[in-house]
Amino acid sequence: MLGIRLKFTHFHKLINNMRAIKKVKKFIEHSPESTTGLVYSRLILSLEAEEIFPINELYKLNAHDFELALELMKDWRIDRFYIGKAKAFDTATHAKNLS
């Protein structure tokens, strides 16, 4: 019994330390046709395509899944910042090499 408890505790810590994007990906892989899986899928597709996402879709989620969706959007925003920063750096480096 102790071994099972240790494994569960270790798994729980891994899940808690995962970024929201990875948590949502794992959820979709496990339950793609559930209401939550469908909402997460539509949210990710909307974020990637920079399309409008109907906010009332989030109200279909329970409190925990709603919070995870908010974390996902925060992570997505941070990732976009770093991607944009990397692209700007590449452009600046390329321009410097031309001169």
N, C-alpha and C. Protein backbone atom coordinates (compact mmCIF):
# COMPACT_ATOMS: atom_id res chain seq x y z
N MET A 1 0.82 -1.20 0.00
CA MET A 1 0.00 0.00 0.00
C MET A 1 0.86 1.26 0.00
N LEU A 2 1.96 1.23 0.73
CA LEU A 2 2.85 2.38 0.79
C LEU A 2 3.44 2.68 -0.58
N GLY A 3 3.79 1.64 -1.33
CA GLY A 3 4.33 1.82 -2.68
C GLY A 3 3.35 2.51 -3.60
N ILE A 4 2.09 2.13 -3.51
CA ILE A 4 1.05 2.76 -4.33
C ILE A 4 0.89 4.22 -3.94
N ARG A 5 0.91 4.50 -2.64
CA ARG A 5 0.77 5.87 -2.17
C ARG A 5 1.95 6.72 -2.64
N LEU A 6 3.16 6.19 -2.59
CA LEU A 6 4.33 6.92 -3.06
C LEU A 6 4.24 7.19 -4.55
N LYS A 7 3.80 6.19 -5.32
CA LYS A 7 3.67 6.38 -6.77
C LYS A 7 2.63 7.45 -7.06
N PHE A 8 1.49 7.41 -6.36
CA PHE A 8 0.44 8.41 -6.57
C PHE A 8 0.95 9.80 -6.22
N THR A 9 1.65 9.90 -5.08
CA THR A 9 2.19 11.19 -4.65
C THR A 9 3.18 11.72 -5.67
N HIS A 10 4.05 10.85 -6.18
CA HIS A 10 5.02 11.26 -7.20
C HIS A 10 4.31 11.73 -8.46
N PHE A 11 3.29 10.97 -8.91
CA PHE A 11 2.52 11.36 -10.10
C PHE A 11 1.82 12.69 -9.86
N HIS A 12 1.23 12.86 -8.69
CA HIS A 12 0.51 14.09 -8.36
C HIS A 12 1.46 15.29 -8.40
N LYS A 13 2.67 15.13 -7.87
CA LYS A 13 3.66 16.22 -7.91
C LYS A 13 4.06 16.53 -9.35
N LEU A 14 4.22 15.49 -10.18
CA LEU A 14 4.57 15.73 -11.58
C LEU A 14 3.48 16.52 -12.28
N ILE A 15 2.24 16.15 -12.04
CA ILE A 15 1.11 16.84 -12.66
C ILE A 15 1.06 18.28 -12.19
N ASN A 16 1.27 18.52 -10.90
CA ASN A 16 1.21 19.89 -10.36
C ASN A 16 2.34 20.75 -10.91
N ASN A 17 3.48 20.16 -11.23
CA ASN A 17 4.60 20.93 -11.74
C ASN A 17 4.54 21.13 -13.25
N MET A 18 3.64 20.46 -13.92
CA MET A 18 3.51 20.61 -15.37
C MET A 18 2.93 21.97 -15.71
N ARG A 19 3.34 22.48 -16.83
CA ARG A 19 2.73 23.71 -17.31
C ARG A 19 1.32 23.40 -17.79
N ALA A 20 0.48 24.40 -17.80
CA ALA A 20 -0.92 24.22 -18.16
C ALA A 20 -1.06 23.65 -19.57
N ILE A 21 -0.22 24.08 -20.48
CA ILE A 21 -0.32 23.59 -21.86
C ILE A 21 -0.16 22.08 -21.90
N LYS A 22 0.79 21.58 -21.14
CA LYS A 22 1.02 20.13 -21.12
C LYS A 22 -0.12 19.40 -20.41
N LYS A 23 -0.65 19.98 -19.33
CA LYS A 23 -1.78 19.38 -18.62
C LYS A 23 -2.99 19.26 -19.55
N VAL A 24 -3.27 20.34 -20.28
CA VAL A 24 -4.42 20.34 -21.19
C VAL A 24 -4.21 19.32 -22.31
N LYS A 25 -3.00 19.25 -22.84
CA LYS A 25 -2.69 18.27 -23.89
C LYS A 25 -2.95 16.86 -23.39
N LYS A 26 -2.49 16.56 -22.18
CA LYS A 26 -2.71 15.23 -21.62
C LYS A 26 -4.20 14.96 -21.40
N PHE A 27 -4.92 16.00 -20.97
CA PHE A 27 -6.36 15.83 -20.76
C PHE A 27 -7.05 15.51 -22.09
N ILE A 28 -6.72 16.25 -23.13
CA ILE A 28 -7.33 16.03 -24.45
C ILE A 28 -7.00 14.63 -24.95
N GLU A 29 -5.75 14.19 -24.77
CA GLU A 29 -5.36 12.85 -25.21
C GLU A 29 -6.17 11.78 -24.49
N HIS A 30 -6.45 12.02 -23.20
CA HIS A 30 -7.17 11.03 -22.39
C HIS A 30 -8.68 11.06 -22.64
N SER A 31 -9.25 12.25 -22.84
CA SER A 31 -10.71 12.41 -22.97
C SER A 31 -11.06 13.38 -24.09
N PRO A 32 -10.72 13.06 -25.34
CA PRO A 32 -10.93 14.01 -26.43
C PRO A 32 -12.39 14.35 -26.73
N GLU A 33 -13.29 13.44 -26.40
CA GLU A 33 -14.69 13.67 -26.74
C GLU A 33 -15.52 14.17 -25.57
N SER A 34 -14.89 14.35 -24.41
CA SER A 34 -15.62 14.87 -23.26
C SER A 34 -15.90 16.36 -23.50
N THR A 35 -16.84 16.90 -22.77
CA THR A 35 -17.15 18.33 -22.89
C THR A 35 -15.90 19.15 -22.62
N THR A 36 -15.18 18.81 -21.58
CA THR A 36 -13.97 19.55 -21.23
C THR A 36 -12.90 19.42 -22.32
N GLY A 37 -12.72 18.21 -22.82
CA GLY A 37 -11.74 17.99 -23.89
C GLY A 37 -12.07 18.80 -25.13
N LEU A 38 -13.35 18.87 -25.47
CA LEU A 38 -13.77 19.64 -26.64
C LEU A 38 -13.57 21.14 -26.43
N VAL A 39 -13.87 21.62 -25.23
CA VAL A 39 -13.67 23.04 -24.93
C VAL A 39 -12.18 23.37 -25.00
N TYR A 40 -11.35 22.53 -24.37
CA TYR A 40 -9.90 22.76 -24.42
C TYR A 40 -9.39 22.75 -25.87
N SER A 41 -9.88 21.81 -26.66
CA SER A 41 -9.45 21.74 -28.06
C SER A 41 -9.81 23.00 -28.83
N ARG A 42 -11.05 23.45 -28.66
CA ARG A 42 -11.48 24.67 -29.36
C ARG A 42 -10.69 25.89 -28.88
N LEU A 43 -10.40 25.92 -27.58
CA LEU A 43 -9.63 27.05 -27.03
C LEU A 43 -8.23 27.08 -27.64
N ILE A 44 -7.56 25.94 -27.69
CA ILE A 44 -6.21 25.89 -28.26
C ILE A 44 -6.23 26.25 -29.74
N LEU A 45 -7.18 25.73 -30.47
CA LEU A 45 -7.26 26.05 -31.90
C LEU A 45 -7.52 27.54 -32.11
N SER A 46 -8.34 28.13 -31.27
CA SER A 46 -8.61 29.57 -31.37
C SER A 46 -7.37 30.39 -31.04
N LEU A 47 -6.66 29.98 -30.01
CA LEU A 47 -5.44 30.70 -29.64
C LEU A 47 -4.40 30.61 -30.75
N GLU A 48 -4.22 29.43 -31.30
CA GLU A 48 -3.22 29.24 -32.35
C GLU A 48 -3.56 30.03 -33.60
N ALA A 49 -4.83 30.04 -33.98
CA ALA A 49 -5.26 30.72 -35.19
C ALA A 49 -5.54 32.21 -34.94
N GLU A 50 -5.44 32.63 -33.68
CA GLU A 50 -5.76 34.00 -33.29
C GLU A 50 -7.18 34.37 -33.72
N GLU A 51 -8.08 33.43 -33.48
CA GLU A 51 -9.49 33.64 -33.79
C GLU A 51 -10.27 33.86 -32.49
N ILE A 52 -11.46 34.37 -32.65
CA ILE A 52 -12.32 34.64 -31.50
C ILE A 52 -12.77 33.33 -30.87
N PHE A 53 -12.71 33.29 -29.56
CA PHE A 53 -13.19 32.13 -28.79
C PHE A 53 -14.35 32.61 -27.93
N PRO A 54 -15.51 31.96 -28.06
CA PRO A 54 -16.67 32.38 -27.25
C PRO A 54 -16.42 32.08 -25.76
N ILE A 55 -16.31 33.12 -24.98
CA ILE A 55 -15.96 32.99 -23.57
C ILE A 55 -16.96 32.15 -22.80
N ASN A 56 -18.22 32.13 -23.24
CA ASN A 56 -19.22 31.33 -22.53
C ASN A 56 -18.92 29.83 -22.61
N GLU A 57 -18.05 29.42 -23.53
CA GLU A 57 -17.63 28.01 -23.60
C GLU A 57 -16.92 27.61 -22.30
N LEU A 58 -16.20 28.54 -21.71
CA LEU A 58 -15.47 28.24 -20.47
C LEU A 58 -16.42 27.94 -19.31
N TYR A 59 -17.63 28.46 -19.38
CA TYR A 59 -18.60 28.22 -18.31
C TYR A 59 -19.12 26.80 -18.30
N LYS A 60 -18.80 26.02 -19.32
CA LYS A 60 -19.16 24.60 -19.35
C LYS A 60 -18.23 23.78 -18.46
N LEU A 61 -17.12 24.37 -18.06
CA LEU A 61 -16.10 23.67 -17.29
C LEU A 61 -16.37 23.77 -15.79
N ASN A 62 -15.95 22.74 -15.06
CA ASN A 62 -16.03 22.84 -13.60
C ASN A 62 -14.95 23.81 -13.13
N ALA A 63 -14.94 24.13 -11.85
CA ALA A 63 -14.04 25.17 -11.33
C ALA A 63 -12.57 24.83 -11.59
N HIS A 64 -12.16 23.60 -11.37
CA HIS A 64 -10.77 23.20 -11.58
C HIS A 64 -10.37 23.33 -13.05
N ASP A 65 -11.22 22.83 -13.94
CA ASP A 65 -10.92 22.89 -15.37
C ASP A 65 -10.96 24.33 -15.90
N PHE A 66 -11.84 25.15 -15.32
CA PHE A 66 -11.89 26.56 -15.67
C PHE A 66 -10.57 27.23 -15.32
N GLU A 67 -10.07 26.97 -14.11
CA GLU A 67 -8.78 27.54 -13.68
C GLU A 67 -7.65 27.07 -14.59
N LEU A 68 -7.70 25.81 -15.01
CA LEU A 68 -6.68 25.29 -15.91
C LEU A 68 -6.74 26.01 -17.25
N ALA A 69 -7.94 26.31 -17.73
CA ALA A 69 -8.09 27.05 -18.99
C ALA A 69 -7.48 28.45 -18.86
N LEU A 70 -7.67 29.08 -17.71
CA LEU A 70 -7.07 30.40 -17.48
C LEU A 70 -5.55 30.29 -17.44
N GLU A 71 -5.03 29.25 -16.78
CA GLU A 71 -3.58 29.02 -16.76
C GLU A 71 -3.05 28.80 -18.18
N LEU A 72 -3.80 28.05 -18.97
CA LEU A 72 -3.41 27.80 -20.36
C LEU A 72 -3.26 29.11 -21.11
N MET A 73 -4.24 30.00 -20.95
CA MET A 73 -4.17 31.28 -21.65
C MET A 73 -2.99 32.12 -21.17
N LYS A 74 -2.70 32.07 -19.87
CA LYS A 74 -1.53 32.79 -19.35
C LYS A 74 -0.24 32.23 -19.94
N ASP A 75 -0.12 30.90 -19.94
CA ASP A 75 1.08 30.26 -20.52
C ASP A 75 1.21 30.60 -22.00
N TRP A 76 0.09 30.57 -22.70
CA TRP A 76 0.10 30.86 -24.14
C TRP A 76 0.60 32.28 -24.39
N ARG A 77 0.12 33.21 -23.58
CA ARG A 77 0.54 34.61 -23.72
C ARG A 77 2.03 34.77 -23.47
N ILE A 78 2.53 34.12 -22.43
CA ILE A 78 3.96 34.18 -22.12
C ILE A 78 4.77 33.58 -23.26
N ASP A 79 4.34 32.43 -23.77
CA ASP A 79 5.05 31.79 -24.89
C ASP A 79 5.07 32.68 -26.11
N ARG A 80 3.97 33.35 -26.39
CA ARG A 80 3.93 34.27 -27.54
C ARG A 80 4.93 35.40 -27.37
N PHE A 81 5.06 35.90 -26.16
CA PHE A 81 6.02 36.97 -25.88
C PHE A 81 7.43 36.49 -26.20
N TYR A 82 7.78 35.30 -25.72
CA TYR A 82 9.13 34.79 -25.95
C TYR A 82 9.39 34.46 -27.41
N ILE A 83 8.38 33.95 -28.09
CA ILE A 83 8.52 33.67 -29.52
C ILE A 83 8.72 34.98 -30.28
N GLY A 84 7.93 35.99 -29.95
CA GLY A 84 8.07 37.30 -30.59
C GLY A 84 9.43 37.91 -30.31
N LYS A 85 9.90 37.76 -29.08
CA LYS A 85 11.21 38.28 -28.71
C LYS A 85 12.31 37.56 -29.49
N ALA A 86 12.20 36.25 -29.63
CA ALA A 86 13.19 35.48 -30.38
C ALA A 86 13.20 35.88 -31.85
N LYS A 87 12.02 36.10 -32.43
CA LYS A 87 11.94 36.51 -33.84
C LYS A 87 12.57 37.90 -34.02
N ALA A 88 12.32 38.81 -33.10
CA ALA A 88 12.90 40.15 -33.18
C ALA A 88 14.42 40.07 -33.07
N PHE A 89 14.91 39.23 -32.18
CA PHE A 89 16.35 39.06 -32.03
C PHE A 89 16.97 38.49 -33.31
N ASP A 90 16.32 37.48 -33.90
CA ASP A 90 16.81 36.91 -35.16
C ASP A 90 16.86 37.95 -36.27
N THR A 91 15.82 38.77 -36.36
CA THR A 91 15.77 39.82 -37.38
C THR A 91 16.88 40.84 -37.16
N ALA A 92 17.07 41.24 -35.91
CA ALA A 92 18.11 42.21 -35.59
C ALA A 92 19.50 41.63 -35.89
N THR A 93 19.71 40.39 -35.57
CA THR A 93 21.00 39.74 -35.85
C THR A 93 21.24 39.66 -37.34
N HIS A 94 20.20 39.30 -38.07
CA HIS A 94 20.31 39.20 -39.53
C HIS A 94 20.64 40.58 -40.13
N ALA A 95 19.97 41.63 -39.66
CA ALA A 95 20.21 42.98 -40.17
C ALA A 95 21.63 43.43 -39.83
N LYS A 96 22.10 43.10 -38.65
CA LYS A 96 23.46 43.48 -38.26
C LYS A 96 24.49 42.79 -39.16
N ASN A 97 24.24 41.54 -39.51
CA ASN A 97 25.16 40.79 -40.37
C ASN A 97 25.17 41.33 -41.80
N LEU A 98 24.10 41.98 -42.22
CA LEU A 98 24.04 42.54 -43.57
C LEU A 98 24.88 43.82 -43.69
N SER A 99 25.04 44.53 -42.57
CA SER A 99 25.76 45.80 -42.62
C SER A 99 27.25 45.66 -42.36
